[in-house]
Amino acid sequence: MDSIVGKYLILIGAAILIIGVIIYFFGGSLKWIGHLPGDIKIERENFRFYFPITTLILLNLLMFLLFRIWKWLN
């Protein structure tokens, strides 16, 4: 295997570890994720539809800014 693949695997593992620690320690205070105004939620008797559009837009903006900063630092 190439050393670049190893670096990417380490980065992916570190990201999963960080996400796990955040969910473990701050899971109770992150209940607002997925319940923002603008998230579409339809519940009927035998039907449930949920589309977190506002949450997706917010996460997309956050990821865009992080990648922009990453690119600017390199």
N, C-alpha and C. Protein backbone atom coordinates (compact mmCIF):
# COMPACT_ATOMS: atom_id res chain seq x y z
N MET A 1 0.83 -1.18 0.00
CA MET A 1 0.00 0.00 0.00
C MET A 1 0.87 1.24 0.00
N ASP A 2 0.32 2.26 -0.53
CA ASP A 2 1.01 3.53 -0.60
C ASP A 2 0.88 4.26 0.74
N SER A 3 1.87 5.10 1.05
CA SER A 3 1.82 5.83 2.31
C SER A 3 0.72 6.88 2.32
N ILE A 4 0.31 7.36 1.15
CA ILE A 4 -0.78 8.34 1.09
C ILE A 4 -2.09 7.70 1.52
N VAL A 5 -2.31 6.46 1.12
CA VAL A 5 -3.52 5.75 1.53
C VAL A 5 -3.53 5.60 3.05
N GLY A 6 -2.40 5.30 3.63
CA GLY A 6 -2.30 5.19 5.08
C GLY A 6 -2.63 6.50 5.78
N LYS A 7 -2.16 7.60 5.23
CA LYS A 7 -2.46 8.91 5.82
C LYS A 7 -3.96 9.20 5.77
N TYR A 8 -4.59 8.87 4.63
CA TYR A 8 -6.03 9.10 4.52
C TYR A 8 -6.80 8.22 5.48
N LEU A 9 -6.38 6.99 5.66
CA LEU A 9 -7.04 6.11 6.61
C LEU A 9 -6.91 6.62 8.05
N ILE A 10 -5.75 7.16 8.38
CA ILE A 10 -5.56 7.74 9.71
C ILE A 10 -6.45 8.96 9.89
N LEU A 11 -6.57 9.81 8.87
CA LEU A 11 -7.43 10.99 8.96
C LEU A 11 -8.90 10.59 9.10
N ILE A 12 -9.33 9.59 8.34
CA ILE A 12 -10.71 9.14 8.44
C ILE A 12 -10.97 8.56 9.84
N GLY A 13 -10.05 7.78 10.35
CA GLY A 13 -10.19 7.23 11.69
C GLY A 13 -10.24 8.30 12.77
N ALA A 14 -9.40 9.33 12.62
CA ALA A 14 -9.40 10.43 13.57
C ALA A 14 -10.72 11.20 13.52
N ALA A 15 -11.26 11.39 12.32
CA ALA A 15 -12.53 12.09 12.17
C ALA A 15 -13.66 11.29 12.82
N ILE A 16 -13.66 9.97 12.63
CA ILE A 16 -14.68 9.13 13.25
C ILE A 16 -14.54 9.16 14.77
N LEU A 17 -13.32 9.15 15.27
CA LEU A 17 -13.08 9.23 16.71
C LEU A 17 -13.60 10.55 17.28
N ILE A 18 -13.30 11.65 16.61
CA ILE A 18 -13.75 12.97 17.09
C ILE A 18 -15.27 13.05 17.08
N ILE A 19 -15.90 12.56 16.03
CA ILE A 19 -17.36 12.58 15.96
C ILE A 19 -17.95 11.72 17.08
N GLY A 20 -17.36 10.57 17.33
CA GLY A 20 -17.83 9.71 18.41
C GLY A 20 -17.71 10.36 19.77
N VAL A 21 -16.60 11.04 20.03
CA VAL A 21 -16.41 11.73 21.31
C VAL A 21 -17.42 12.86 21.46
N ILE A 22 -17.66 13.61 20.40
CA ILE A 22 -18.65 14.70 20.45
C ILE A 22 -20.04 14.15 20.75
N ILE A 23 -20.41 13.07 20.08
CA ILE A 23 -21.74 12.49 20.31
C ILE A 23 -21.84 11.92 21.72
N TYR A 24 -20.78 11.30 22.20
CA TYR A 24 -20.80 10.69 23.53
C TYR A 24 -20.93 11.74 24.63
N PHE A 25 -20.13 12.80 24.56
CA PHE A 25 -20.12 13.79 25.63
C PHE A 25 -21.16 14.89 25.46
N PHE A 26 -21.49 15.25 24.22
CA PHE A 26 -22.39 16.38 23.99
C PHE A 26 -23.67 15.96 23.28
N GLY A 27 -24.01 14.68 23.31
CA GLY A 27 -25.19 14.19 22.62
C GLY A 27 -26.49 14.82 23.10
N GLY A 28 -26.59 15.09 24.39
CA GLY A 28 -27.80 15.69 24.94
C GLY A 28 -28.00 17.12 24.50
N SER A 29 -26.93 17.84 24.28
CA SER A 29 -27.06 19.24 23.87
C SER A 29 -27.13 19.40 22.36
N LEU A 30 -27.06 18.30 21.62
CA LEU A 30 -27.14 18.37 20.16
C LEU A 30 -28.48 17.88 19.63
N LYS A 31 -29.51 17.89 20.46
CA LYS A 31 -30.82 17.41 20.02
C LYS A 31 -31.47 18.34 19.01
N TRP A 32 -30.99 19.56 18.88
CA TRP A 32 -31.57 20.51 17.93
C TRP A 32 -31.24 20.14 16.49
N ILE A 33 -30.21 19.31 16.29
CA ILE A 33 -29.85 18.91 14.94
C ILE A 33 -30.97 18.03 14.38
N GLY A 34 -31.52 18.43 13.28
CA GLY A 34 -32.62 17.71 12.66
C GLY A 34 -33.98 18.23 13.06
N HIS A 35 -34.02 19.20 13.95
CA HIS A 35 -35.30 19.76 14.41
C HIS A 35 -35.30 21.28 14.26
N LEU A 36 -34.65 21.77 13.24
CA LEU A 36 -34.59 23.21 12.99
C LEU A 36 -35.84 23.67 12.26
N PRO A 37 -36.17 24.96 12.38
CA PRO A 37 -37.29 25.48 11.57
C PRO A 37 -36.95 25.34 10.09
N GLY A 38 -37.86 24.84 9.33
CA GLY A 38 -37.63 24.61 7.91
C GLY A 38 -37.42 23.15 7.57
N ASP A 39 -37.15 22.32 8.56
CA ASP A 39 -37.07 20.88 8.33
C ASP A 39 -38.48 20.36 8.09
N ILE A 40 -38.68 19.62 7.03
CA ILE A 40 -40.00 19.15 6.64
C ILE A 40 -40.31 17.85 7.38
N LYS A 41 -41.44 17.83 8.05
CA LYS A 41 -41.84 16.66 8.83
C LYS A 41 -43.35 16.46 8.64
N ILE A 42 -43.72 15.35 8.02
CA ILE A 42 -45.13 15.03 7.79
C ILE A 42 -45.40 13.67 8.44
N GLU A 43 -46.35 13.65 9.36
CA GLU A 43 -46.73 12.41 10.02
C GLU A 43 -48.22 12.20 9.85
N ARG A 44 -48.57 11.05 9.32
CA ARG A 44 -49.97 10.66 9.16
C ARG A 44 -50.18 9.34 9.88
N GLU A 45 -51.33 8.77 9.70
CA GLU A 45 -51.66 7.54 10.43
C GLU A 45 -50.71 6.39 10.07
N ASN A 46 -50.53 6.13 8.79
CA ASN A 46 -49.66 5.04 8.36
C ASN A 46 -48.48 5.54 7.53
N PHE A 47 -48.11 6.76 7.71
CA PHE A 47 -47.09 7.35 6.85
C PHE A 47 -46.28 8.36 7.66
N ARG A 48 -44.98 8.32 7.46
CA ARG A 48 -44.10 9.29 8.11
C ARG A 48 -43.04 9.71 7.10
N PHE A 49 -42.91 11.03 6.88
CA PHE A 49 -41.93 11.57 5.96
C PHE A 49 -41.16 12.66 6.68
N TYR A 50 -39.83 12.61 6.56
CA TYR A 50 -39.00 13.58 7.24
C TYR A 50 -37.85 13.96 6.32
N PHE A 51 -37.72 15.25 6.06
CA PHE A 51 -36.64 15.74 5.21
C PHE A 51 -36.01 16.96 5.89
N PRO A 52 -34.82 16.79 6.50
CA PRO A 52 -34.19 17.88 7.26
C PRO A 52 -33.45 18.86 6.34
N ILE A 53 -34.16 19.62 5.54
CA ILE A 53 -33.53 20.47 4.54
C ILE A 53 -32.71 21.60 5.17
N THR A 54 -33.22 22.21 6.22
CA THR A 54 -32.47 23.29 6.87
C THR A 54 -31.19 22.76 7.52
N THR A 55 -31.28 21.62 8.15
CA THR A 55 -30.11 21.00 8.76
C THR A 55 -29.08 20.65 7.69
N LEU A 56 -29.53 20.12 6.55
CA LEU A 56 -28.61 19.78 5.47
C LEU A 56 -27.91 21.02 4.92
N ILE A 57 -28.66 22.10 4.76
CA ILE A 57 -28.06 23.35 4.26
C ILE A 57 -27.03 23.87 5.24
N LEU A 58 -27.34 23.83 6.53
CA LEU A 58 -26.40 24.29 7.55
C LEU A 58 -25.13 23.44 7.57
N LEU A 59 -25.28 22.12 7.50
CA LEU A 59 -24.10 21.24 7.48
C LEU A 59 -23.29 21.42 6.20
N ASN A 60 -23.97 21.64 5.08
CA ASN A 60 -23.28 21.88 3.82
C ASN A 60 -22.46 23.17 3.89
N LEU A 61 -23.03 24.21 4.45
CA LEU A 61 -22.30 25.47 4.60
C LEU A 61 -21.10 25.31 5.52
N LEU A 62 -21.27 24.57 6.60
CA LEU A 62 -20.16 24.33 7.53
C LEU A 62 -19.04 23.56 6.87
N MET A 63 -19.38 22.51 6.12
CA MET A 63 -18.37 21.73 5.43
C MET A 63 -17.67 22.56 4.35
N PHE A 64 -18.42 23.39 3.63
CA PHE A 64 -17.84 24.26 2.62
C PHE A 64 -16.81 25.19 3.25
N LEU A 65 -17.16 25.80 4.38
CA LEU A 65 -16.23 26.71 5.04
C LEU A 65 -14.99 25.98 5.55
N LEU A 66 -15.16 24.79 6.09
CA LEU A 66 -14.01 24.02 6.57
C LEU A 66 -13.07 23.65 5.42
N PHE A 67 -13.64 23.21 4.29
CA PHE A 67 -12.79 22.87 3.14
C PHE A 67 -12.12 24.11 2.56
N ARG A 68 -12.81 25.26 2.58
CA ARG A 68 -12.21 26.51 2.09
C ARG A 68 -11.03 26.92 2.96
N ILE A 69 -11.19 26.81 4.28
CA ILE A 69 -10.10 27.13 5.20
C ILE A 69 -8.94 26.16 5.00
N TRP A 70 -9.28 24.87 4.84
CA TRP A 70 -8.24 23.85 4.60
C TRP A 70 -7.44 24.19 3.34
N LYS A 71 -8.14 24.56 2.27
CA LYS A 71 -7.48 24.90 1.01
C LYS A 71 -6.64 26.16 1.16
N TRP A 72 -7.15 27.14 1.92
CA TRP A 72 -6.44 28.40 2.11
C TRP A 72 -5.15 28.17 2.92
N LEU A 73 -5.19 27.25 3.89
CA LEU A 73 -4.00 26.98 4.70
C LEU A 73 -2.94 26.21 3.93
N ASN A 74 -3.35 25.43 2.95
CA ASN A 74 -2.38 24.67 2.16
C ASN A 74 -1.92 25.55 1.07
